[in-house]
Amino acid sequence: MPTKKTIAVFGNTSNKITPSLRKETEYVDYEELAEGDCYLWNGDLWIKTNEDQIGTSLSNGTFEDNLCGTMVIPVNIEIKWSKKK
């Protein structure tokens, strides 16, 4: 299972995942995730929606459907944001 030390940070121009992922990271089937769970897939941070087999990218809002059988890396995240000055 993911650790609480895994944090995703999205800035204006780049995405940063800390700590860096190791090769022995455990993958799980997308279907094992619950609604609202976050995961790494295809080089991006995603969240499982309430629609069956649909995930939404947290960095750009795009969605992907038909994720049945897709292997993903579950993560616990903390999102921090602030209003631009």
PDB file of N, CA and C in Angstrom:
ATOM      1  N   MET A   1       0.838  -1.186   0.000  1.00  0.00           N
ATOM      2  CA  MET A   1       0.000   0.000   0.000  1.00  0.00           C
ATOM      3  C   MET A   1       0.879   1.243   0.000  1.00  0.00           C
ATOM      4  N   PRO A   2       0.364   2.341  -0.499  1.00  0.00           N
ATOM      5  CA  PRO A   2       1.163   3.565  -0.547  1.00  0.00           C
ATOM      6  C   PRO A   2       1.427   4.111   0.852  1.00  0.00           C
ATOM      7  N   THR A   3       2.451   4.914   0.947  1.00  0.00           N
ATOM      8  CA  THR A   3       2.769   5.534   2.226  1.00  0.00           C
ATOM      9  C   THR A   3       2.234   6.951   2.248  1.00  0.00           C
ATOM     10  N   LYS A   4       2.087   7.504   3.430  1.00  0.00           N
ATOM     11  CA  LYS A   4       1.603   8.878   3.536  1.00  0.00           C
ATOM     12  C   LYS A   4       2.683   9.879   3.164  1.00  0.00           C
ATOM     13  N   LYS A   5       3.896   9.414   2.925  1.00  0.00           N
ATOM     14  CA  LYS A   5       4.980  10.304   2.526  1.00  0.00           C
ATOM     15  C   LYS A   5       4.915  10.630   1.040  1.00  0.00           C
ATOM     16  N   THR A   6       4.086   9.925   0.290  1.00  0.00           N
ATOM     17  CA  THR A   6       3.975  10.173  -1.136  1.00  0.00           C
ATOM     18  C   THR A   6       3.108  11.399  -1.366  1.00  0.00           C
ATOM     19  N   ILE A   7       3.690  12.421  -1.960  1.00  0.00           N
ATOM     20  CA  ILE A   7       2.987  13.683  -2.179  1.00  0.00           C
ATOM     21  C   ILE A   7       3.168  14.098  -3.634  1.00  0.00           C
ATOM     22  N   ALA A   8       2.136  14.604  -4.221  1.00  0.00           N
ATOM     23  CA  ALA A   8       2.227  15.137  -5.577  1.00  0.00           C
ATOM     24  C   ALA A   8       2.136  16.647  -5.502  1.00  0.00           C
ATOM     25  N   VAL A   9       3.007  17.316  -6.232  1.00  0.00           N
ATOM     26  CA  VAL A   9       3.017  18.775  -6.241  1.00  0.00           C
ATOM     27  C   VAL A   9       2.893  19.235  -7.686  1.00  0.00           C
ATOM     28  N   PHE A  10       1.899  20.058  -7.964  1.00  0.00           N
ATOM     29  CA  PHE A  10       1.710  20.585  -9.307  1.00  0.00           C
ATOM     30  C   PHE A  10       1.914  22.086  -9.277  1.00  0.00           C
ATOM     31  N   GLY A  11       2.832  22.563 -10.088  1.00  0.00           N
ATOM     32  CA  GLY A  11       3.099  23.992 -10.180  1.00  0.00           C
ATOM     33  C   GLY A  11       2.553  24.538 -11.480  1.00  0.00           C
ATOM     34  N   ASN A  12       2.970  25.747 -11.824  1.00  0.00           N
ATOM     35  CA  ASN A  12       2.499  26.361 -13.064  1.00  0.00           C
ATOM     36  C   ASN A  12       3.022  25.646 -14.298  1.00  0.00           C
ATOM     37  N   THR A  13       4.244  25.127 -14.240  1.00  0.00           N
ATOM     38  CA  THR A  13       4.840  24.571 -15.448  1.00  0.00           C
ATOM     39  C   THR A  13       5.263  23.125 -15.328  1.00  0.00           C
ATOM     40  N   SER A  14       5.342  22.572 -14.128  1.00  0.00           N
ATOM     41  CA  SER A  14       5.847  21.207 -14.030  1.00  0.00           C
ATOM     42  C   SER A  14       5.144  20.432 -12.930  1.00  0.00           C
ATOM     43  N   ASN A  15       5.189  19.126 -13.064  1.00  0.00           N
ATOM     44  CA  ASN A  15       4.644  18.225 -12.061  1.00  0.00           C
ATOM     45  C   ASN A  15       5.808  17.571 -11.339  1.00  0.00           C
ATOM     46  N   LYS A  16       5.665  17.345 -10.052  1.00  0.00           N
ATOM     47  CA  LYS A  16       6.741  16.729  -9.295  1.00  0.00           C
ATOM     48  C   LYS A  16       6.127  15.714  -8.341  1.00  0.00           C
ATOM     49  N   ILE A  17       6.605  14.502  -8.382  1.00  0.00           N
ATOM     50  CA  ILE A  17       6.155  13.457  -7.476  1.00  0.00           C
ATOM     51  C   ILE A  17       7.302  13.172  -6.519  1.00  0.00           C
ATOM     52  N   THR A  18       7.072  13.266  -5.220  1.00  0.00           N
ATOM     53  CA  THR A  18       8.112  12.968  -4.241  1.00  0.00           C
ATOM     54  C   THR A  18       7.565  12.014  -3.206  1.00  0.00           C
ATOM     55  N   PRO A  19       8.308  11.064  -2.684  1.00  0.00           N
ATOM     56  CA  PRO A  19       9.654  10.745  -3.150  1.00  0.00           C
ATOM     57  C   PRO A  19       9.610  10.062  -4.506  1.00  0.00           C
ATOM     58  N   SER A  20      10.750   9.945  -5.167  1.00  0.00           N
ATOM     59  CA  SER A  20      10.775   9.312  -6.476  1.00  0.00           C
ATOM     60  C   SER A  20      10.359   7.847  -6.337  1.00  0.00           C
ATOM     61  N   LEU A  21       9.754   7.332  -7.387  1.00  0.00           N
ATOM     62  CA  LEU A  21       9.273   5.957  -7.353  1.00  0.00           C
ATOM     63  C   LEU A  21      10.429   4.981  -7.527  1.00  0.00           C
ATOM     64  N   ARG A  22      10.336   3.884  -6.817  1.00  0.00           N
ATOM     65  CA  ARG A  22      11.345   2.843  -6.944  1.00  0.00           C
ATOM     66  C   ARG A  22      10.814   1.744  -7.852  1.00  0.00           C
ATOM     67  N   LYS A  23      11.711   0.921  -8.399  1.00  0.00           N
ATOM     68  CA  LYS A  23      11.315  -0.122  -9.335  1.00  0.00           C
ATOM     69  C   LYS A  23      10.392  -1.156  -8.706  1.00  0.00           C
ATOM     70  N   GLU A  24      10.488  -1.386  -7.397  1.00  0.00           N
ATOM     71  CA  GLU A  24       9.667  -2.408  -6.756  1.00  0.00           C
ATOM     72  C   GLU A  24       8.284  -1.896  -6.346  1.00  0.00           C
ATOM     73  N   THR A  25       7.858  -0.773  -6.891  1.00  0.00           N
ATOM     74  CA  THR A  25       6.547  -0.213  -6.590  1.00  0.00           C
ATOM     75  C   THR A  25       5.461  -1.229  -6.929  1.00  0.00           C
ATOM     76  N   GLU A  26       4.463  -1.344  -6.054  1.00  0.00           N
ATOM     77  CA  GLU A  26       3.378  -2.293  -6.271  1.00  0.00           C
ATOM     78  C   GLU A  26       2.285  -1.690  -7.140  1.00  0.00           C
ATOM     79  N   TYR A  27       1.970  -2.400  -8.204  1.00  0.00           N
ATOM     80  CA  TYR A  27       0.874  -2.015  -9.077  1.00  0.00           C
ATOM     81  C   TYR A  27      -0.385  -2.761  -8.642  1.00  0.00           C
ATOM     82  N   VAL A  28      -1.534  -2.153  -8.852  1.00  0.00           N
ATOM     83  CA  VAL A  28      -2.810  -2.815  -8.595  1.00  0.00           C
ATOM     84  C   VAL A  28      -3.709  -2.613  -9.809  1.00  0.00           C
ATOM     85  N   ASP A  29      -4.686  -3.479  -9.953  1.00  0.00           N
ATOM     86  CA  ASP A  29      -5.665  -3.342 -11.025  1.00  0.00           C
ATOM     87  C   ASP A  29      -6.564  -2.147 -10.712  1.00  0.00           C
ATOM     88  N   TYR A  30      -6.862  -1.349 -11.711  1.00  0.00           N
ATOM     89  CA  TYR A  30      -7.715  -0.168 -11.542  1.00  0.00           C
ATOM     90  C   TYR A  30      -9.016  -0.512 -10.825  1.00  0.00           C
ATOM     91  N   GLU A  31      -9.558  -1.688 -11.092  1.00  0.00           N
ATOM     92  CA  GLU A  31     -10.838  -2.088 -10.506  1.00  0.00           C
ATOM     93  C   GLU A  31     -10.769  -2.240  -8.989  1.00  0.00           C
ATOM     94  N   GLU A  32      -9.563  -2.402  -8.425  1.00  0.00           N
ATOM     95  CA  GLU A  32      -9.408  -2.537  -6.978  1.00  0.00           C
ATOM     96  C   GLU A  32      -9.521  -1.196  -6.245  1.00  0.00           C
ATOM     97  N   LEU A  33      -9.419  -0.095  -6.974  1.00  0.00           N
ATOM     98  CA  LEU A  33      -9.495   1.229  -6.357  1.00  0.00           C
ATOM     99  C   LEU A  33     -10.934   1.593  -6.013  1.00  0.00           C
ATOM    100  N   ALA A  34     -11.096   2.397  -4.977  1.00  0.00           N
ATOM    101  CA  ALA A  34     -12.410   2.920  -4.601  1.00  0.00           C
ATOM    102  C   ALA A  34     -12.591   4.309  -5.218  1.00  0.00           C
ATOM    103  N   GLU A  35     -13.823   4.750  -5.319  1.00  0.00           N
ATOM    104  CA  GLU A  35     -14.108   6.097  -5.811  1.00  0.00           C
ATOM    105  C   GLU A  35     -13.337   7.113  -4.978  1.00  0.00           C
ATOM    106  N   GLY A  36     -12.637   8.038  -5.637  1.00  0.00           N
ATOM    107  CA  GLY A  36     -11.862   9.064  -4.944  1.00  0.00           C
ATOM    108  C   GLY A  36     -10.417   8.685  -4.693  1.00  0.00           C
ATOM    109  N   ASP A  37     -10.054   7.423  -4.932  1.00  0.00           N
ATOM    110  CA  ASP A  37      -8.657   7.010  -4.771  1.00  0.00           C
ATOM    111  C   ASP A  37      -7.808   7.643  -5.866  1.00  0.00           C
ATOM    112  N   CYS A  38      -6.574   8.006  -5.517  1.00  0.00           N
ATOM    113  CA  CYS A  38      -5.643   8.589  -6.482  1.00  0.00           C
ATOM    114  C   CYS A  38      -4.606   7.553  -6.876  1.00  0.00           C
ATOM    115  N   TYR A  39      -4.072   7.718  -8.077  1.00  0.00           N
ATOM    116  CA  TYR A  39      -3.105   6.756  -8.593  1.00  0.00           C
ATOM    117  C   TYR A  39      -2.234   7.410  -9.660  1.00  0.00           C
ATOM    118  N   LEU A  40      -1.064   6.816  -9.850  1.00  0.00           N
ATOM    119  CA  LEU A  40      -0.162   7.236 -10.919  1.00  0.00           C
ATOM    120  C   LEU A  40      -0.382   6.305 -12.100  1.00  0.00           C
ATOM    121  N   TRP A  41      -0.500   6.891 -13.274  1.00  0.00           N
ATOM    122  CA  TRP A  41      -0.688   6.110 -14.494  1.00  0.00           C
ATOM    123  C   TRP A  41      -0.269   6.952 -15.683  1.00  0.00           C
ATOM    124  N   ASN A  42       0.457   6.356 -16.574  1.00  0.00           N
ATOM    125  CA  ASN A  42       0.829   7.028 -17.817  1.00  0.00           C
ATOM    126  C   ASN A  42       1.570   8.342 -17.568  1.00  0.00           C
ATOM    127  N   GLY A  43       2.395   8.379 -16.512  1.00  0.00           N
ATOM    128  CA  GLY A  43       3.198   9.563 -16.214  1.00  0.00           C
ATOM    129  C   GLY A  43       2.431  10.727 -15.626  1.00  0.00           C
ATOM    130  N   ASP A  44       1.245  10.467 -15.079  1.00  0.00           N
ATOM    131  CA  ASP A  44       0.415  11.548 -14.551  1.00  0.00           C
ATOM    132  C   ASP A  44      -0.276  11.083 -13.272  1.00  0.00           C
ATOM    133  N   LEU A  45      -0.838  12.021 -12.546  1.00  0.00           N
ATOM    134  CA  LEU A  45      -1.585  11.740 -11.325  1.00  0.00           C
ATOM    135  C   LEU A  45      -3.073  11.793 -11.651  1.00  0.00           C
ATOM    136  N   TRP A  46      -3.809  10.732 -11.275  1.00  0.00           N
ATOM    137  CA  TRP A  46      -5.219  10.581 -11.625  1.00  0.00           C
ATOM    138  C   TRP A  46      -6.047  10.315 -10.383  1.00  0.00           C
ATOM    139  N   ILE A  47      -7.374  10.506 -10.511  1.00  0.00           N
ATOM    140  CA  ILE A  47      -8.316  10.165  -9.454  1.00  0.00           C
ATOM    141  C   ILE A  47      -9.436   9.335 -10.077  1.00  0.00           C
ATOM    142  N   LYS A  48      -9.859   8.296  -9.344  1.00  0.00           N
ATOM    143  CA  LYS A  48     -10.957   7.457  -9.826  1.00  0.00           C
ATOM    144  C   LYS A  48     -12.269   8.185  -9.556  1.00  0.00           C
ATOM    145  N   THR A  49     -13.109   8.277 -10.579  1.00  0.00           N
ATOM    146  CA  THR A  49     -14.386   8.981 -10.452  1.00  0.00           C
ATOM    147  C   THR A  49     -15.482   8.034  -9.982  1.00  0.00           C
ATOM    148  N   ASN A  50     -16.681   8.583  -9.820  1.00  0.00           N
ATOM    149  CA  ASN A  50     -17.812   7.747  -9.427  1.00  0.00           C
ATOM    150  C   ASN A  50     -18.415   7.002 -10.608  1.00  0.00           C
ATOM    151  N   GLU A  51     -17.944   7.277 -11.809  1.00  0.00           N
ATOM    152  CA  GLU A  51     -18.388   6.551 -12.998  1.00  0.00           C
ATOM    153  C   GLU A  51     -17.512   5.315 -13.174  1.00  0.00           C
ATOM    154  N   ASP A  52     -18.127   4.199 -13.506  1.00  0.00           N
ATOM    155  CA  ASP A  52     -17.392   2.953 -13.670  1.00  0.00           C
ATOM    156  C   ASP A  52     -16.347   3.081 -14.784  1.00  0.00           C
ATOM    157  N   GLN A  53     -15.121   2.737 -14.478  1.00  0.00           N
ATOM    158  CA  GLN A  53     -14.012   2.685 -15.434  1.00  0.00           C
ATOM    159  C   GLN A  53     -13.569   4.036 -15.981  1.00  0.00           C
ATOM    160  N   ILE A  54     -13.844   5.137 -15.273  1.00  0.00           N
ATOM    161  CA  ILE A  54     -13.401   6.455 -15.740  1.00  0.00           C
ATOM    162  C   ILE A  54     -12.497   7.091 -14.695  1.00  0.00           C
ATOM    163  N   GLY A  55     -11.338   7.581 -15.147  1.00  0.00           N
ATOM    164  CA  GLY A  55     -10.413   8.304 -14.294  1.00  0.00           C
ATOM    165  C   GLY A  55     -10.187   9.699 -14.845  1.00  0.00           C
ATOM    166  N   THR A  56      -9.881  10.645 -13.964  1.00  0.00           N
ATOM    167  CA  THR A  56      -9.639  12.031 -14.366  1.00  0.00           C
ATOM    168  C   THR A  56      -8.243  12.456 -13.942  1.00  0.00           C
ATOM    169  N   SER A  57      -7.517  13.082 -14.859  1.00  0.00           N
ATOM    170  CA  SER A  57      -6.182  13.596 -14.570  1.00  0.00           C
ATOM    171  C   SER A  57      -6.295  14.812 -13.666  1.00  0.00           C
ATOM    172  N   LEU A  58      -5.509  14.837 -12.592  1.00  0.00           N
ATOM    173  CA  LEU A  58      -5.524  15.992 -11.697  1.00  0.00           C
ATOM    174  C   LEU A  58      -4.680  17.146 -12.227  1.00  0.00           C
ATOM    175  N   SER A  59      -3.827  16.892 -13.208  1.00  0.00           N
ATOM    176  CA  SER A  59      -2.982  17.973 -13.714  1.00  0.00           C
ATOM    177  C   SER A  59      -3.630  18.765 -14.840  1.00  0.00           C
ATOM    178  N   ASN A  60      -4.512  18.118 -15.623  1.00  0.00           N
ATOM    179  CA  ASN A  60      -5.087  18.859 -16.747  1.00  0.00           C
ATOM    180  C   ASN A  60      -6.583  18.621 -16.965  1.00  0.00           C
ATOM    181  N   GLY A  61      -7.218  17.781 -16.147  1.00  0.00           N
ATOM    182  CA  GLY A  61      -8.661  17.589 -16.221  1.00  0.00           C
ATOM    183  C   GLY A  61      -9.160  16.643 -17.295  1.00  0.00           C
ATOM    184  N   THR A  62      -8.263  16.087 -18.093  1.00  0.00           N
ATOM    185  CA  THR A  62      -8.719  15.134 -19.101  1.00  0.00           C
ATOM    186  C   THR A  62      -9.205  13.863 -18.423  1.00  0.00           C
ATOM    187  N   PHE A  63     -10.000  13.079 -19.136  1.00  0.00           N
ATOM    188  CA  PHE A  63     -10.468  11.826 -18.566  1.00  0.00           C
ATOM    189  C   PHE A  63     -10.130  10.670 -19.491  1.00  0.00           C
ATOM    190  N   GLU A  64     -10.072   9.508 -18.921  1.00  0.00           N
ATOM    191  CA  GLU A  64      -9.797   8.280 -19.659  1.00  0.00           C
ATOM    192  C   GLU A  64     -10.854   7.276 -19.247  1.00  0.00           C
ATOM    193  N   ASP A  65     -11.454   6.619 -20.234  1.00  0.00           N
ATOM    194  CA  ASP A  65     -12.453   5.611 -19.902  1.00  0.00           C
ATOM    195  C   ASP A  65     -11.951   4.224 -20.295  1.00  0.00           C
ATOM    196  N   ASN A  66     -12.719   3.219 -19.973  1.00  0.00           N
ATOM    197  CA  ASN A  66     -12.389   1.828 -20.260  1.00  0.00           C
ATOM    198  C   ASN A  66     -11.060   1.423 -19.630  1.00  0.00           C
ATOM    199  N   LEU A  67     -10.889   1.711 -18.344  1.00  0.00           N
ATOM    200  CA  LEU A  67      -9.652   1.388 -17.639  1.00  0.00           C
ATOM    201  C   LEU A  67      -9.651  -0.022 -17.051  1.00  0.00           C
ATOM    202  N   CYS A  68     -10.629  -0.831 -17.414  1.00  0.00           N
ATOM    203  CA  CYS A  68     -10.718  -2.207 -16.929  1.00  0.00           C
ATOM    204  C   CYS A  68      -9.423  -2.956 -17.247  1.00  0.00           C
ATOM    205  N   GLY A  69      -8.812  -3.548 -16.233  1.00  0.00           N
ATOM    206  CA  GLY A  69      -7.592  -4.319 -16.423  1.00  0.00           C
ATOM    207  C   GLY A  69      -6.317  -3.494 -16.446  1.00  0.00           C
ATOM    208  N   THR A  70      -6.413  -2.184 -16.334  1.00  0.00           N
ATOM    209  CA  THR A  70      -5.238  -1.310 -16.337  1.00  0.00           C
ATOM    210  C   THR A  70      -4.533  -1.392 -14.985  1.00  0.00           C
ATOM    211  N   MET A  71      -3.219  -1.554 -15.006  1.00  0.00           N
ATOM    212  CA  MET A  71      -2.431  -1.609 -13.780  1.00  0.00           C
ATOM    213  C   MET A  71      -1.949  -0.198 -13.445  1.00  0.00           C
ATOM    214  N   VAL A  72      -2.188   0.229 -12.207  1.00  0.00           N
ATOM    215  CA  VAL A  72      -1.850   1.579 -11.759  1.00  0.00           C
ATOM    216  C   VAL A  72      -1.106   1.508 -10.431  1.00  0.00           C
ATOM    217  N   ILE A  73      -0.493   2.616 -10.033  1.00  0.00           N
ATOM    218  CA  ILE A  73       0.208   2.705  -8.751  1.00  0.00           C
ATOM    219  C   ILE A  73      -0.636   3.571  -7.820  1.00  0.00           C
ATOM    220  N   PRO A  74      -1.255   2.975  -6.790  1.00  0.00           N
ATOM    221  CA  PRO A  74      -2.063   3.778  -5.869  1.00  0.00           C
ATOM    222  C   PRO A  74      -1.179   4.674  -5.010  1.00  0.00           C
ATOM    223  N   VAL A  75      -1.639   5.900  -4.751  1.00  0.00           N
ATOM    224  CA  VAL A  75      -0.885   6.839  -3.916  1.00  0.00           C
ATOM    225  C   VAL A  75      -1.828   7.589  -2.989  1.00  0.00           C
ATOM    226  N   ASN A  76      -1.314   7.931  -1.821  1.00  0.00           N
ATOM    227  CA  ASN A  76      -1.999   8.866  -0.927  1.00  0.00           C
ATOM    228  C   ASN A  76      -1.422  10.231  -1.233  1.00  0.00           C
ATOM    229  N   ILE A  77      -2.271  11.215  -1.431  1.00  0.00           N
ATOM    230  CA  ILE A  77      -1.768  12.534  -1.803  1.00  0.00           C
ATOM    231  C   ILE A  77      -2.326  13.605  -0.884  1.00  0.00           C
ATOM    232  N   GLU A  78      -1.661  14.722  -0.926  1.00  0.00           N
ATOM    233  CA  GLU A  78      -2.117  15.924  -0.251  1.00  0.00           C
ATOM    234  C   GLU A  78      -2.017  17.032  -1.278  1.00  0.00           C
ATOM    235  N   ILE A  79      -3.105  17.725  -1.517  1.00  0.00           N
ATOM    236  CA  ILE A  79      -3.110  18.806  -2.500  1.00  0.00           C
ATOM    237  C   ILE A  79      -3.131  20.134  -1.757  1.00  0.00           C
ATOM    238  N   LYS A  80      -2.157  20.983  -2.049  1.00  0.00           N
ATOM    239  CA  LYS A  80      -2.097  22.324  -1.463  1.00  0.00           C
ATOM    240  C   LYS A  80      -2.195  23.327  -2.597  1.00  0.00           C
ATOM    241  N   TRP A  81      -2.978  24.355  -2.400  1.00  0.00           N
ATOM    242  CA  TRP A  81      -3.085  25.387  -3.414  1.00  0.00           C
ATOM    243  C   TRP A  81      -3.263  26.733  -2.736  1.00  0.00           C
ATOM    244  N   SER A  82      -2.971  27.754  -3.504  1.00  0.00           N
ATOM    245  CA  SER A  82      -3.169  29.107  -3.000  1.00  0.00           C
ATOM    246  C   SER A  82      -3.564  30.003  -4.168  1.00  0.00           C
ATOM    247  N   LYS A  83      -4.225  31.072  -3.853  1.00  0.00           N
ATOM    248  CA  LYS A  83      -4.661  32.020  -4.864  1.00  0.00           C
ATOM    249  C   LYS A  83      -3.456  32.770  -5.410  1.00  0.00           C
ATOM    250  N   LYS A  84      -3.436  32.965  -6.733  1.00  0.00           N
ATOM    251  CA  LYS A  84      -2.354  33.735  -7.340  1.00  0.00           C
ATOM    252  C   LYS A  84      -2.446  35.174  -6.879  1.00  0.00           C
ATOM    253  N   LYS A  85      -1.287  35.776  -6.663  1.00  0.00           N
ATOM    254  CA  LYS A  85      -1.245  37.171  -6.209  1.00  0.00           C
ATOM    255  C   LYS A  85      -1.201  38.111  -7.369  1.00  0.00           C
TER     256      LYS A  85
END
